[in-house]
């Protein structure tokens, strides 16, 4: 019997079990190290959280909208049809229930994958022939695919619910193709990202959180620039605007807003939904105005003009760039938090070598993904608070550009009817899921502008 070989094997097994927090019969020294990892991890979590709060406060001071009145509910008497609001309450409640069910899905999948790392990591490393970056790519693709699969029943229920209530109109086969293409794109993106994370964890060991912060920033910038070119065309077809009068009006609004517009196009949104949509995408001289054909067909000229002004206001104030700035500035302190949480649960890198080091790196990568996914889910109220602030600013600037608060109010009524949306949703729903101010608040903002306009 080779005592040395058996001892080495035992230490590798103990180290592997310690990585996922399972109890072991390791020595007193190993237990002390485990406690030290937890303490060090908790300290780093606290430091990362403190830095995140400090950076967030600085951003709040520097790039938060200014000059926008505080939001308050409008006087809604005679604005919205009470009977329609009552009829649509059941539809909205169904969507709200499904939204809450969807919140924990991605974190639960990621946590389950991390918790079972010892069961699958050997097989993944075998498929990757021991290359950690390739193993990370396989992990990322598998996690994206598994998450999409777990979320599919809920997505199907939501699709059926929207269609049954007359808001959606996309055929089932088209919807399924979109889901498959979306899942494939997510698998590719996550495979690349996790390959980088796994390689960083493996080779940088104690400073991989800096690489993670840089990766998040690069992803935010890259997706902002490339999504309109590479991703959006997979899900919609566009054609040039063929309304010369409207094009002149839009370009005049753009000149008044100081925004360069390269082209104005119309999408085929009507094959999926009755809802209106518009956006300004791209940066600088390559910016273009994108209008849904539902908007072109269903909104009167004055309301369409207000919608375009709202989107141009986003470009005027650089909301897209500011959104990326939030992500870039918070990426490093949040990455430090992720590093601390990963170390507390999976241990910090020490003297692993060879296969044991590769296994440890893959486990830490899986744990880091679980932490990131959970943070993303629970931070929704904070990111949506920022989104609502920028949307309110865009509304206020659009009112100044058009001088037509009635068009803004009329468009809110028409949009609510199309989407069967809530005028004043429950506070918790608005906090967690609301990316825009409520319809009541947006009507209130237009009414306030109308009063100021009348008093000037």
Protein backbone atom coordinates (compact mmCIF):
# COMPACT_ATOMS: atom_id res chain seq x y z
CA UNK A 1 0.00 0.00 0.00
CA UNK A 2 1.38 3.40 -1.00
CA UNK A 3 0.67 5.56 2.04
CA UNK A 4 1.89 8.77 0.38
CA UNK A 5 -0.32 8.34 -2.68
CA UNK A 6 -3.38 7.58 -0.55
CA UNK A 7 -2.63 10.62 1.60
CA UNK A 8 -2.39 12.89 -1.45
CA UNK A 9 -5.67 11.54 -2.81
CA UNK A 10 -7.33 12.11 0.55
CA UNK A 11 -6.15 15.71 0.69
CA UNK A 12 -7.46 16.37 -2.83
CA UNK A 13 -10.86 14.92 -1.92
CA UNK A 14 -11.00 16.93 1.29
CA UNK A 15 -10.06 20.13 -0.53
CA UNK A 16 -12.71 19.51 -3.17
CA UNK A 17 -15.42 18.91 -0.56
CA UNK A 18 -14.36 22.02 1.35
CA UNK A 19 -14.87 24.09 -1.81
CA UNK A 20 -18.62 23.58 -1.68
CA UNK A 21 -18.86 23.94 2.08
CA UNK A 22 -19.47 20.25 2.89
CA UNK A 23 -18.20 19.01 6.31
CA UNK A 24 -14.94 17.09 6.21
CA UNK A 25 -12.71 15.13 8.55
CA UNK A 26 -9.76 17.37 7.61
CA UNK A 27 -7.16 18.50 10.11
CA UNK A 28 -7.58 21.34 12.59
CA UNK A 29 -5.44 23.51 10.31
CA UNK A 30 -7.83 22.99 7.41
CA UNK A 31 -10.78 23.96 9.60
CA UNK A 32 -8.97 27.10 10.72
CA UNK A 33 -8.30 27.97 7.07
CA UNK A 34 -11.96 27.46 6.23
CA UNK A 35 -12.98 29.82 9.03
CA UNK A 36 -10.35 32.29 7.87
CA UNK A 37 -11.75 32.20 4.33
CA UNK A 38 -15.23 32.94 5.61
CA UNK A 39 -14.05 35.83 7.75
CA UNK A 40 -11.95 37.27 4.98
CA UNK A 41 -14.82 36.84 2.54
CA UNK A 42 -17.24 38.65 4.85
CA UNK A 43 -14.78 41.53 5.21
CA UNK A 44 -14.42 41.82 1.43
CA UNK A 45 -18.20 41.69 1.01
CA UNK A 46 -18.53 44.57 3.47
CA UNK A 47 -15.81 46.57 1.71
CA UNK A 48 -17.32 45.90 -1.71
CA UNK A 49 -20.77 46.90 -0.50
CA UNK A 50 -19.43 50.10 1.10
CA UNK A 51 -17.59 51.03 -2.09
CA UNK A 52 -20.68 50.28 -4.17
CA UNK A 53 -22.77 52.60 -2.00
CA UNK A 54 -20.12 55.32 -2.15
CA UNK A 55 -19.78 55.11 -5.94
CA UNK A 56 -23.57 55.02 -6.32
CA UNK A 57 -23.89 58.15 -4.19
CA UNK A 58 -21.26 59.90 -6.32
CA UNK A 59 -23.05 58.93 -9.52
CA UNK A 60 -26.34 60.05 -7.99
CA UNK A 61 -24.78 63.44 -7.41
CA UNK A 62 -23.04 63.76 -10.78
CA UNK A 63 -25.32 62.26 -13.47
CA UNK A 64 -28.77 62.25 -11.91
CA UNK A 65 -31.41 64.24 -13.83
CA UNK A 66 -31.83 67.81 -12.68
CA UNK A 67 -34.53 70.38 -13.34
CA UNK A 68 -37.31 67.78 -13.48
CA UNK A 69 -40.26 68.34 -11.13
CA UNK A 70 -40.88 65.67 -8.54
CA UNK A 71 -43.33 63.06 -9.72
CA UNK A 72 -46.86 63.03 -8.35
CA UNK A 73 -50.11 61.44 -9.48
CA UNK A 74 -52.15 63.45 -11.92
CA UNK A 75 -55.78 64.45 -11.81
CA UNK A 76 -57.23 61.46 -13.64
CA UNK A 77 -60.92 62.36 -13.66
CA UNK A 78 -62.05 62.17 -17.28
CA UNK A 79 -58.64 60.98 -18.50
CA UNK A 80 -58.94 57.18 -18.31
CA UNK A 81 -62.08 55.08 -18.71
CA UNK A 82 -62.88 53.60 -15.25
CA UNK A 83 -64.70 50.65 -16.79
CA UNK A 84 -61.71 49.72 -18.96
CA UNK A 85 -59.41 49.96 -15.96
CA UNK A 86 -61.71 47.64 -14.03
CA UNK A 87 -61.96 45.17 -16.92
CA UNK A 88 -58.19 45.03 -17.31
CA UNK A 89 -57.43 44.44 -13.63
CA UNK A 90 -57.56 40.66 -13.96
CA UNK A 91 -55.23 40.72 -16.95
CA UNK A 92 -52.69 42.81 -15.08
CA UNK A 93 -52.91 40.64 -11.98
CA UNK A 94 -52.07 37.57 -14.07
CA UNK A 95 -48.98 39.27 -15.50
CA UNK A 96 -47.90 40.41 -12.05
CA UNK A 97 -48.13 36.88 -10.64
CA UNK A 98 -46.06 35.51 -13.52
CA UNK A 99 -43.50 38.30 -13.09
CA UNK A 100 -43.01 37.40 -9.42
CA UNK A 101 -42.67 33.73 -10.26
CA UNK A 102 -39.95 34.60 -12.77
CA UNK A 103 -37.78 36.58 -10.33
CA UNK A 104 -36.06 33.63 -8.59
CA UNK A 105 -35.78 31.30 -11.60
CA UNK A 106 -32.34 32.32 -12.86
CA UNK A 107 -30.77 32.56 -9.37
CA UNK A 108 -32.20 29.16 -8.36
CA UNK A 109 -30.76 27.52 -11.49
CA UNK A 110 -27.34 29.13 -10.98
CA UNK A 111 -27.27 28.19 -7.29
CA UNK A 112 -28.25 24.60 -8.10
CA UNK A 113 -25.45 24.37 -10.69
CA UNK A 114 -22.91 25.72 -8.18
CA UNK A 115 -24.12 23.46 -5.37
CA UNK A 116 -23.67 20.36 -7.54
CA UNK A 117 -20.27 21.34 -8.93
CA UNK A 118 -18.55 18.24 -7.58
CA UNK A 119 -20.91 16.07 -9.63
CA UNK A 120 -20.32 17.62 -13.04
CA UNK A 121 -16.96 19.40 -13.03
CA UNK A 122 -14.89 16.28 -13.75
CA UNK A 123 -16.99 15.52 -16.83
CA UNK A 124 -16.81 19.11 -18.04
CA UNK A 125 -13.04 19.20 -17.62
CA UNK A 126 -12.78 15.92 -19.51
CA UNK A 127 -14.81 17.36 -22.39
CA UNK A 128 -12.57 20.45 -22.32
CA UNK A 129 -9.43 18.24 -22.16
CA UNK A 130 -8.39 19.99 -18.98
CA UNK A 131 -8.50 23.50 -20.43
CA UNK A 132 -10.20 25.71 -17.86
CA UNK A 133 -11.24 28.44 -20.29
CA UNK A 134 -12.97 25.91 -22.53
CA UNK A 135 -14.58 24.30 -19.49
CA UNK A 136 -15.84 27.75 -18.52
CA UNK A 137 -17.32 28.21 -21.98
CA UNK A 138 -19.15 24.90 -21.66
CA UNK A 139 -20.40 25.92 -18.21
CA UNK A 140 -21.65 29.28 -19.47
CA UNK A 141 -23.46 27.79 -22.46
CA UNK A 142 -25.00 25.07 -20.32
CA UNK A 143 -26.14 27.55 -17.67
CA UNK A 144 -27.77 29.81 -20.28
CA UNK A 145 -29.46 26.87 -21.97
CA UNK A 146 -30.68 25.35 -18.71
CA UNK A 147 -32.04 28.70 -17.52
CA UNK A 148 -33.91 29.18 -20.79
CA UNK A 149 -35.34 25.67 -20.52
CA UNK A 150 -36.51 26.17 -16.93
CA UNK A 151 -38.07 29.53 -17.85
CA UNK A 152 -39.83 28.15 -20.94
CA UNK A 153 -43.09 27.01 -19.26
CA UNK A 154 -43.51 30.41 -17.62
CA UNK A 155 -42.70 32.20 -20.88
CA UNK A 156 -45.24 30.03 -22.69
CA UNK A 157 -47.89 30.83 -20.08
CA UNK A 158 -47.20 34.54 -20.47
CA UNK A 159 -47.33 34.25 -24.27
CA UNK A 160 -50.70 32.50 -24.09
CA UNK A 161 -52.04 34.99 -21.54
CA UNK A 162 -51.11 38.00 -23.67
CA UNK A 163 -52.54 36.46 -26.83
CA UNK A 164 -55.76 35.40 -25.12
CA UNK A 165 -56.32 38.98 -23.95
CA UNK A 166 -55.75 40.50 -27.37
CA UNK A 167 -52.47 42.31 -26.66
CA UNK A 168 -50.10 39.91 -28.44
CA UNK A 169 -50.61 38.52 -31.90
CA UNK A 170 -47.41 36.63 -32.71
CA UNK A 171 -48.01 33.12 -34.14
CA UNK A 172 -46.80 30.24 -32.00
CA UNK A 173 -44.19 29.02 -34.49
CA UNK A 174 -42.70 32.50 -34.78
CA UNK A 175 -42.64 32.85 -30.99
CA UNK A 176 -40.86 29.52 -30.60
CA UNK A 177 -38.25 30.50 -33.19
CA UNK A 178 -37.64 33.77 -31.34
CA UNK A 179 -37.21 31.89 -28.07
CA UNK A 180 -34.72 29.49 -29.64
CA UNK A 181 -32.75 32.27 -31.28
CA UNK A 182 -32.75 34.28 -28.07
CA UNK A 183 -31.52 31.30 -26.07
CA UNK A 184 -28.80 30.62 -28.65
CA UNK A 185 -27.58 34.22 -28.49
CA UNK A 186 -27.52 34.10 -24.69
CA UNK A 187 -25.58 30.82 -24.79
CA UNK A 188 -22.94 32.30 -27.07
CA UNK A 189 -22.56 35.49 -25.02
CA UNK A 190 -22.42 33.64 -21.71
CA UNK A 191 -20.03 31.02 -23.09
CA UNK A 192 -17.56 33.74 -24.08
CA UNK A 193 -18.00 35.67 -20.83
CA UNK A 194 -17.66 32.64 -18.55
CA UNK A 195 -14.62 31.42 -20.47
CA UNK A 196 -12.93 34.71 -19.59
CA UNK A 197 -14.10 34.51 -15.97
CA UNK A 198 -12.90 30.91 -15.57
CA UNK A 199 -9.50 31.70 -17.07
CA UNK A 200 -9.19 34.74 -14.78
CA UNK A 201 -10.12 32.71 -11.71
CA UNK A 202 -7.61 30.03 -12.68
CA UNK A 203 -4.62 32.17 -13.61
CA UNK A 204 -5.07 35.40 -11.65
CA UNK A 205 -6.29 33.52 -8.58
CA UNK A 206 -6.49 36.40 -6.04
CA UNK A 207 -6.99 39.35 -8.38
CA UNK A 208 -9.53 37.87 -10.80
CA UNK A 209 -12.19 40.26 -9.52
CA UNK A 210 -10.41 43.09 -11.36
CA UNK A 211 -10.72 41.14 -14.60
CA UNK A 212 -14.39 40.51 -13.80
CA UNK A 213 -15.01 44.24 -13.37
CA UNK A 214 -13.30 44.97 -16.70
CA UNK A 215 -15.30 42.22 -18.41
CA UNK A 216 -18.63 43.61 -17.17
CA UNK A 217 -17.68 47.05 -18.48
CA UNK A 218 -16.63 45.67 -21.86
CA UNK A 219 -19.86 43.68 -22.14
CA UNK A 220 -21.95 46.76 -21.33
CA UNK A 221 -20.16 48.86 -23.94
CA UNK A 222 -20.05 46.08 -26.53
CA UNK A 223 -23.72 45.13 -26.24
CA UNK A 224 -24.74 48.80 -26.38
CA UNK A 225 -22.82 49.31 -29.61
CA UNK A 226 -23.40 45.96 -31.28
CA UNK A 227 -26.94 45.04 -30.23
CA UNK A 228 -28.61 47.31 -32.82
CA UNK A 229 -26.36 45.83 -35.52
CA UNK A 230 -26.13 42.15 -34.59
CA UNK A 231 -29.00 41.25 -32.27
CA UNK A 232 -32.03 43.44 -33.07
CA UNK A 233 -32.07 42.45 -36.78
CA UNK A 234 -32.59 38.82 -35.71
CA UNK A 235 -35.96 39.72 -34.22
CA UNK A 236 -37.30 42.51 -36.40
CA UNK A 237 -37.22 43.77 -39.95
CA UNK A 238 -36.90 47.46 -40.73
CA UNK A 239 -37.68 49.65 -43.71
CA UNK A 240 -36.99 53.35 -44.36
CA UNK A 241 -39.70 55.79 -43.32
CA UNK A 242 -41.73 56.62 -46.43
CA UNK A 243 -43.51 59.70 -45.04
CA UNK A 244 -41.58 62.82 -46.19
CA UNK A 245 -43.63 65.22 -44.04
CA UNK A 246 -43.09 63.18 -40.89
CA UNK A 247 -39.40 62.76 -41.69
CA UNK A 248 -39.01 66.55 -41.99
CA UNK A 249 -40.82 67.00 -38.69
CA UNK A 250 -38.61 64.44 -36.95
CA UNK A 251 -35.41 65.98 -38.29
CA UNK A 252 -36.60 69.41 -37.21
CA UNK A 253 -37.22 68.08 -33.71
CA UNK A 254 -33.78 66.46 -33.76
CA UNK A 255 -32.16 69.78 -34.74
CA UNK A 256 -33.99 71.54 -31.90
CA UNK A 257 -32.80 68.88 -29.49
CA UNK A 258 -29.25 69.04 -30.83
CA UNK A 259 -29.27 65.37 -31.80
CA UNK A 260 -27.73 63.97 -34.98
CA UNK A 261 -29.96 61.46 -36.77
CA UNK A 262 -28.53 59.31 -39.52
CA UNK A 263 -31.72 57.55 -40.61
CA UNK A 264 -35.34 56.98 -39.63
CA UNK A 265 -36.74 53.47 -39.97
CA UNK A 266 -39.95 51.56 -39.24
CA UNK A 267 -40.05 48.05 -37.72
CA UNK A 268 -42.55 45.25 -38.31
CA UNK A 269 -43.70 45.11 -34.66
CA UNK A 270 -47.33 44.49 -35.68
CA UNK A 271 -46.65 40.82 -36.42
CA UNK A 272 -45.97 40.34 -32.69
CA UNK A 273 -47.99 42.90 -30.76
CA UNK A 274 -50.51 45.74 -30.81
CA UNK A 275 -48.35 47.83 -28.45
CA UNK A 276 -46.55 50.99 -29.53
CA UNK A 277 -42.78 51.33 -29.44
CA UNK A 278 -40.05 53.73 -30.49
CA UNK A 279 -36.38 54.23 -29.70
CA UNK A 280 -33.23 56.06 -30.70
CA UNK A 281 -30.30 53.67 -31.06
CA UNK A 282 -26.63 54.02 -31.88
CA UNK A 283 -24.22 56.76 -30.86
CA UNK A 284 -23.09 60.01 -32.45
CA UNK A 285 -23.55 60.40 -36.18
CA UNK A 286 -24.76 56.79 -36.51
CA UNK A 287 -27.86 57.36 -34.36
CA UNK A 288 -31.17 56.44 -35.92
CA UNK A 289 -34.80 56.81 -34.94
CA UNK A 290 -36.72 53.51 -34.91
CA UNK A 291 -40.54 53.58 -34.97
CA UNK A 292 -42.84 50.58 -34.73
CA UNK A 293 -45.39 50.17 -37.51
CA UNK A 294 -48.05 49.90 -34.79
CA UNK A 295 -47.14 53.43 -33.74
CA UNK A 296 -47.25 54.67 -37.32
CA UNK A 297 -50.67 53.11 -37.87
CA UNK A 298 -52.30 53.84 -34.53
CA UNK A 299 -51.04 57.18 -33.22
CA UNK A 300 -52.21 60.59 -34.52
CA UNK A 301 -49.46 62.94 -35.77
CA UNK A 302 -49.34 65.04 -32.60
CA UNK A 303 -48.89 61.99 -30.36
CA UNK A 304 -46.34 60.43 -32.69
CA UNK A 305 -44.42 63.70 -32.62
CA UNK A 306 -44.40 63.65 -28.83
CA UNK A 307 -43.13 60.05 -28.74
CA UNK A 308 -40.26 60.92 -31.08
CA UNK A 309 -39.42 63.96 -28.94
CA UNK A 310 -39.28 61.70 -25.88
CA UNK A 311 -36.82 59.36 -27.59
CA UNK A 312 -34.72 62.25 -28.87
CA UNK A 313 -34.60 63.58 -25.31
CA UNK A 314 -32.92 60.33 -24.24
CA UNK A 315 -30.26 60.93 -26.89
CA UNK A 316 -29.94 64.63 -26.02
CA UNK A 317 -29.23 63.86 -22.37
CA UNK A 318 -27.00 60.88 -23.16
CA UNK A 319 -29.07 58.45 -21.12
CA UNK A 320 -27.65 55.47 -22.97
CA UNK A 321 -24.09 56.57 -22.18
CA UNK A 322 -25.03 57.37 -18.60
CA UNK A 323 -26.53 53.92 -18.21
CA UNK A 324 -23.26 52.38 -19.34
CA UNK A 325 -21.41 54.73 -16.97
CA UNK A 326 -23.43 53.39 -14.04
CA UNK A 327 -22.48 49.84 -14.95
CA UNK A 328 -18.81 50.67 -15.56
CA UNK A 329 -18.41 52.63 -12.33
CA UNK A 330 -20.11 50.00 -10.18
CA UNK A 331 -18.49 47.02 -11.90
CA UNK A 332 -15.27 46.92 -9.88
CA UNK A 333 -16.72 47.38 -6.37
CA UNK A 334 -19.43 44.85 -7.14
CA UNK A 335 -16.78 42.48 -8.53
CA UNK A 336 -14.93 42.79 -5.22
CA UNK A 337 -18.17 41.86 -3.45
CA UNK A 338 -18.54 38.83 -5.73
CA UNK A 339 -14.91 37.87 -5.03
CA UNK A 340 -15.51 38.03 -1.29
CA UNK A 341 -18.73 36.02 -1.47
CA UNK A 342 -17.10 33.41 -3.69
CA UNK A 343 -14.14 33.10 -1.35
CA UNK A 344 -16.37 32.80 1.70
CA UNK A 345 -18.32 29.93 0.12
CA UNK A 346 -15.74 28.19 -2.06
CA UNK A 347 -12.48 29.20 -0.44
CA UNK A 348 -9.76 31.50 -1.72
CA UNK A 349 -7.03 30.19 -4.01
CA UNK A 350 -4.01 28.75 -2.24
CA UNK A 351 -1.65 26.01 -3.31
CA UNK A 352 -3.81 23.92 -5.64
CA UNK A 353 -1.93 22.41 -8.55
CA UNK A 354 -2.75 20.45 -11.67
CA UNK A 355 -6.15 18.81 -11.80
CA UNK A 356 -7.11 19.94 -8.29
CA UNK A 357 -6.47 23.55 -9.26
CA UNK A 358 -8.59 23.23 -12.41
CA UNK A 359 -11.44 21.69 -10.40
CA UNK A 360 -11.20 24.40 -7.77
CA UNK A 361 -11.20 27.13 -10.43
CA UNK A 362 -14.29 25.71 -12.13
CA UNK A 363 -16.10 25.42 -8.81
CA UNK A 364 -15.25 29.00 -7.88
CA UNK A 365 -16.44 30.13 -11.31
CA UNK A 366 -19.80 28.39 -10.79
CA UNK A 367 -20.18 29.96 -7.34
CA UNK A 368 -19.29 33.39 -8.72
CA UNK A 369 -21.97 32.98 -11.42
CA UNK A 370 -24.53 32.10 -8.74
CA UNK A 371 -23.59 35.22 -6.77
CA UNK A 372 -23.73 37.43 -9.87
CA UNK A 373 -27.10 36.04 -10.93
CA UNK A 374 -28.54 36.56 -7.46
CA UNK A 375 -27.18 40.11 -7.23
CA UNK A 376 -28.66 40.90 -10.64
CA UNK A 377 -32.09 39.70 -9.52
CA UNK A 378 -32.19 41.51 -6.19
CA UNK A 379 -30.77 44.77 -7.59
CA UNK A 380 -33.69 45.24 -10.00
CA UNK A 381 -35.37 47.87 -7.78
CA UNK A 382 -32.19 49.97 -7.78
CA UNK A 383 -31.54 49.79 -11.52
CA UNK A 384 -35.21 50.51 -12.24
CA UNK A 385 -35.08 53.56 -9.97
CA UNK A 386 -32.36 54.97 -12.23
CA UNK A 387 -34.38 54.06 -15.33
CA UNK A 388 -37.50 55.81 -14.02
CA UNK A 389 -35.54 58.97 -13.29
CA UNK A 390 -34.20 59.14 -16.85
CA UNK A 391 -37.62 58.37 -18.32
CA UNK A 392 -39.16 61.23 -16.32
CA UNK A 393 -36.44 63.56 -17.60
CA UNK A 394 -37.12 62.47 -21.18
CA UNK A 395 -40.84 63.19 -20.67
CA UNK A 396 -40.12 66.68 -19.33
CA UNK A 397 -37.74 67.56 -22.17
CA UNK A 398 -40.21 66.18 -24.74
CA UNK A 399 -42.87 68.49 -23.30
CA UNK A 400 -40.47 71.41 -23.72
CA UNK A 401 -39.60 70.40 -27.29
CA UNK A 402 -43.20 69.99 -28.44
CA UNK A 403 -45.07 72.36 -26.13
CA UNK A 404 -47.98 69.93 -26.37
CA UNK A 405 -48.92 68.41 -22.99
CA UNK A 406 -52.29 67.25 -24.31
CA UNK A 407 -50.58 65.03 -26.87
CA UNK A 408 -48.56 63.49 -24.04
CA UNK A 409 -51.73 62.80 -22.03
CA UNK A 410 -53.61 61.44 -25.03
CA UNK A 411 -50.72 59.13 -25.85
CA UNK A 412 -50.70 57.76 -22.30
CA UNK A 413 -54.40 56.93 -22.66
CA UNK A 414 -53.90 55.28 -26.05
CA UNK A 415 -50.86 53.31 -24.87
CA UNK A 416 -52.66 52.06 -21.77
CA UNK A 417 -55.54 50.85 -23.91
CA UNK A 418 -53.19 49.00 -26.24
CA UNK A 419 -51.17 47.37 -23.46
CA UNK A 420 -54.09 47.11 -21.04
CA UNK A 421 -51.68 48.50 -18.48
CA UNK A 422 -52.27 49.68 -14.95
CA UNK A 423 -52.53 53.44 -14.39
CA UNK A 424 -51.27 53.21 -10.82
CA UNK A 425 -49.84 49.73 -10.10
CA UNK A 426 -49.18 48.47 -6.55
CA UNK A 427 -46.16 50.14 -4.97
CA UNK A 428 -44.13 46.93 -4.73
CA UNK A 429 -44.82 46.05 -8.37
CA UNK A 430 -43.70 49.52 -9.45
CA UNK A 431 -40.60 49.39 -7.24
CA UNK A 432 -39.44 46.00 -8.53
CA UNK A 433 -40.56 45.95 -12.16
CA UNK A 434 -41.35 49.54 -13.12
CA UNK A 435 -38.82 50.85 -15.62
CA UNK A 436 -40.97 53.96 -16.29
CA UNK A 437 -42.96 56.26 -14.05
CA UNK A 438 -46.59 55.17 -13.68
CA UNK A 439 -49.14 56.41 -16.19
CA UNK A 440 -50.68 58.49 -13.40
CA UNK A 441 -47.32 60.15 -12.68
CA UNK A 442 -46.65 60.82 -16.36
CA UNK A 443 -50.07 62.40 -16.77
CA UNK A 444 -49.35 64.46 -13.66
CA UNK A 445 -46.06 65.67 -15.17
CA UNK A 446 -47.85 66.75 -18.37
CA UNK A 447 -50.54 68.50 -16.35
CA UNK A 448 -47.91 70.36 -14.36
CA UNK A 449 -46.22 71.49 -17.56
CA UNK A 450 -49.61 72.63 -18.87
CA UNK A 451 -50.14 74.77 -15.76
CA UNK A 452 -46.67 76.29 -16.06
CA UNK A 453 -47.25 76.93 -19.77
CA UNK A 454 -50.57 78.62 -19.00
CA UNK A 455 -49.05 80.74 -16.28
CA UNK A 456 -46.12 81.97 -18.38
